[in-house]
């Protein structure tokens, strides 16, 4: 199935949904990536400094990993194409207007927006209300 590339269609159909749970970004060392993956991260990215893991907060706590802000995840349920232009910018602009920071992760089918836990409901409403094209 091919993802949608038309920005107007993406914005009309994005239907943001707040995932349950709290998430954190953690840095794992490069020495044993298999051990890091055993934590079942929601996502990960390898950088020169180490492996960044996106974990459920409870998992990070149980593993004794340090982390920064506690986040919630909003999934845009529309099947966005990886080559679509403007969706990230439009979503970021909508959240910026409300003073909400966003960390966007694009996956094969959907975009996922990580926002501070205390701003999650406001972010969801901001995205549902209207994202201008």
Protein backbone atom coordinates (compact mmCIF):
# COMPACT_ATOMS: atom_id res chain seq x y z
CA UNK A 1 0.00 0.00 0.00
CA UNK A 2 1.38 3.38 -1.00
CA UNK A 3 1.37 6.24 1.49
CA UNK A 4 -0.30 9.58 0.86
CA UNK A 5 1.91 12.43 -0.40
CA UNK A 6 -0.64 15.24 -0.85
CA UNK A 7 -0.32 17.61 2.12
CA UNK A 8 -3.96 18.76 2.12
CA UNK A 9 -5.14 15.14 2.17
CA UNK A 10 -2.68 14.23 4.93
CA UNK A 11 -3.88 17.09 7.11
CA UNK A 12 -7.56 16.26 6.55
CA UNK A 13 -7.05 12.57 7.32
CA UNK A 14 -4.31 12.57 9.97
CA UNK A 15 -6.59 11.80 12.98
CA UNK A 16 -4.07 12.24 15.82
CA UNK A 17 -4.35 9.60 18.55
CA UNK A 18 -2.71 9.75 21.97
CA UNK A 19 -0.96 6.48 22.81
CA UNK A 20 -1.23 5.22 26.38
CA UNK A 21 1.82 5.39 28.59
CA UNK A 22 4.79 7.66 29.08
CA UNK A 23 7.98 7.54 27.05
CA UNK A 24 11.55 8.70 27.53
CA UNK A 25 14.67 9.01 25.41
CA UNK A 26 17.70 7.19 26.85
CA UNK A 27 21.28 6.83 25.67
CA UNK A 28 22.70 3.32 25.67
CA UNK A 29 26.36 2.57 25.03
CA UNK A 30 27.64 1.15 21.76
CA UNK A 31 29.16 -1.89 23.50
CA UNK A 32 26.11 -4.20 23.46
CA UNK A 33 23.27 -3.15 21.12
CA UNK A 34 21.55 -6.52 21.57
CA UNK A 35 21.08 -5.82 25.29
CA UNK A 36 19.54 -2.45 24.44
CA UNK A 37 17.17 -4.02 21.93
CA UNK A 38 16.14 -6.58 24.54
CA UNK A 39 14.44 -3.66 26.33
CA UNK A 40 11.90 -3.60 23.47
CA UNK A 41 12.29 0.07 22.58
CA UNK A 42 9.46 1.76 20.74
CA UNK A 43 12.20 3.23 18.55
CA UNK A 44 15.94 3.64 18.37
CA UNK A 45 18.59 5.49 16.41
CA UNK A 46 22.33 4.93 16.30
CA UNK A 47 24.47 8.06 16.64
CA UNK A 48 28.23 8.43 16.99
CA UNK A 49 27.79 8.96 20.75
CA UNK A 50 25.69 5.85 21.31
CA UNK A 51 22.33 4.26 20.72
CA UNK A 52 19.31 6.45 21.49
CA UNK A 53 16.37 4.39 22.74
CA UNK A 54 12.76 5.50 23.03
CA UNK A 55 11.44 3.45 25.92
CA UNK A 56 8.40 3.27 28.09
CA UNK A 57 9.25 5.15 31.25
CA UNK A 58 8.65 2.08 33.42
CA UNK A 59 11.13 0.07 31.34
CA UNK A 60 13.81 2.76 31.65
CA UNK A 61 13.22 2.96 35.41
CA UNK A 62 13.46 -0.83 35.80
CA UNK A 63 16.72 -0.88 33.80
CA UNK A 64 18.17 2.00 35.83
CA UNK A 65 18.64 4.19 32.74
CA UNK A 66 18.90 7.95 32.97
CA UNK A 67 16.56 10.01 30.82
CA UNK A 68 15.41 13.53 30.17
CA UNK A 69 11.85 14.78 29.90
CA UNK A 70 8.88 12.46 30.23
CA UNK A 71 6.91 12.41 26.97
CA UNK A 72 3.64 11.18 25.54
CA UNK A 73 3.26 9.95 21.98
CA UNK A 74 0.66 11.16 19.51
CA UNK A 75 0.35 9.02 16.39
CA UNK A 76 -0.97 10.56 13.18
CA UNK A 77 -3.05 7.63 12.00
CA UNK A 78 -3.00 8.58 8.32
CA UNK A 79 -0.64 6.49 6.15
CA UNK A 80 1.86 9.19 5.24
CA UNK A 81 4.45 8.51 2.56
CA UNK A 82 8.05 8.93 3.65
CA UNK A 83 8.55 11.31 0.71
CA UNK A 84 5.56 13.51 1.62
CA UNK A 85 6.48 17.19 1.86
CA UNK A 86 5.25 19.52 4.60
CA UNK A 87 3.49 17.31 7.14
CA UNK A 88 6.21 17.61 9.78
CA UNK A 89 6.41 21.37 9.23
CA UNK A 90 2.63 21.82 9.48
CA UNK A 91 2.38 19.75 12.67
CA UNK A 92 5.37 21.50 14.22
CA UNK A 93 3.92 24.91 13.36
CA UNK A 94 0.58 24.04 14.95
CA UNK A 95 2.29 22.93 18.15
CA UNK A 96 4.63 25.92 18.12
CA UNK A 97 1.63 28.26 18.10
CA UNK A 98 0.63 26.66 21.41
CA UNK A 99 4.16 26.69 22.86
CA UNK A 100 4.48 22.89 22.77
CA UNK A 101 7.78 21.24 21.89
CA UNK A 102 7.70 18.25 19.57
CA UNK A 103 10.02 15.42 18.61
CA UNK A 104 8.81 13.82 15.39
CA UNK A 105 9.63 10.26 14.42
CA UNK A 106 8.59 9.07 10.99
CA UNK A 107 8.01 5.36 10.59
CA UNK A 108 6.88 3.36 7.56
CA UNK A 109 3.13 3.97 7.95
CA UNK A 110 2.73 6.86 10.37
CA UNK A 111 4.36 9.87 11.96
CA UNK A 112 4.67 9.89 15.75
CA UNK A 113 4.92 13.12 17.72
CA UNK A 114 6.51 13.01 21.17
CA UNK A 115 5.41 15.93 23.35
CA UNK A 116 5.99 16.74 27.03
CA UNK A 117 3.62 14.62 29.12
CA UNK A 118 2.05 17.66 30.76
CA UNK A 119 1.21 19.13 27.33
CA UNK A 120 -0.17 15.96 25.72
CA UNK A 121 -3.88 16.77 25.91
CA UNK A 122 -3.34 20.36 24.71
CA UNK A 123 -1.19 19.05 21.85
CA UNK A 124 -3.85 16.56 20.83
CA UNK A 125 -6.48 19.30 20.76
CA UNK A 126 -4.18 21.64 18.83
CA UNK A 127 -3.65 18.98 16.18
CA UNK A 128 -7.34 18.02 16.01
CA UNK A 129 -8.61 21.60 15.81
CA UNK A 130 -6.90 22.51 12.58
CA UNK A 131 -3.51 22.42 11.04
CA UNK A 132 -3.37 25.03 8.27
CA UNK A 133 -2.02 23.95 4.91
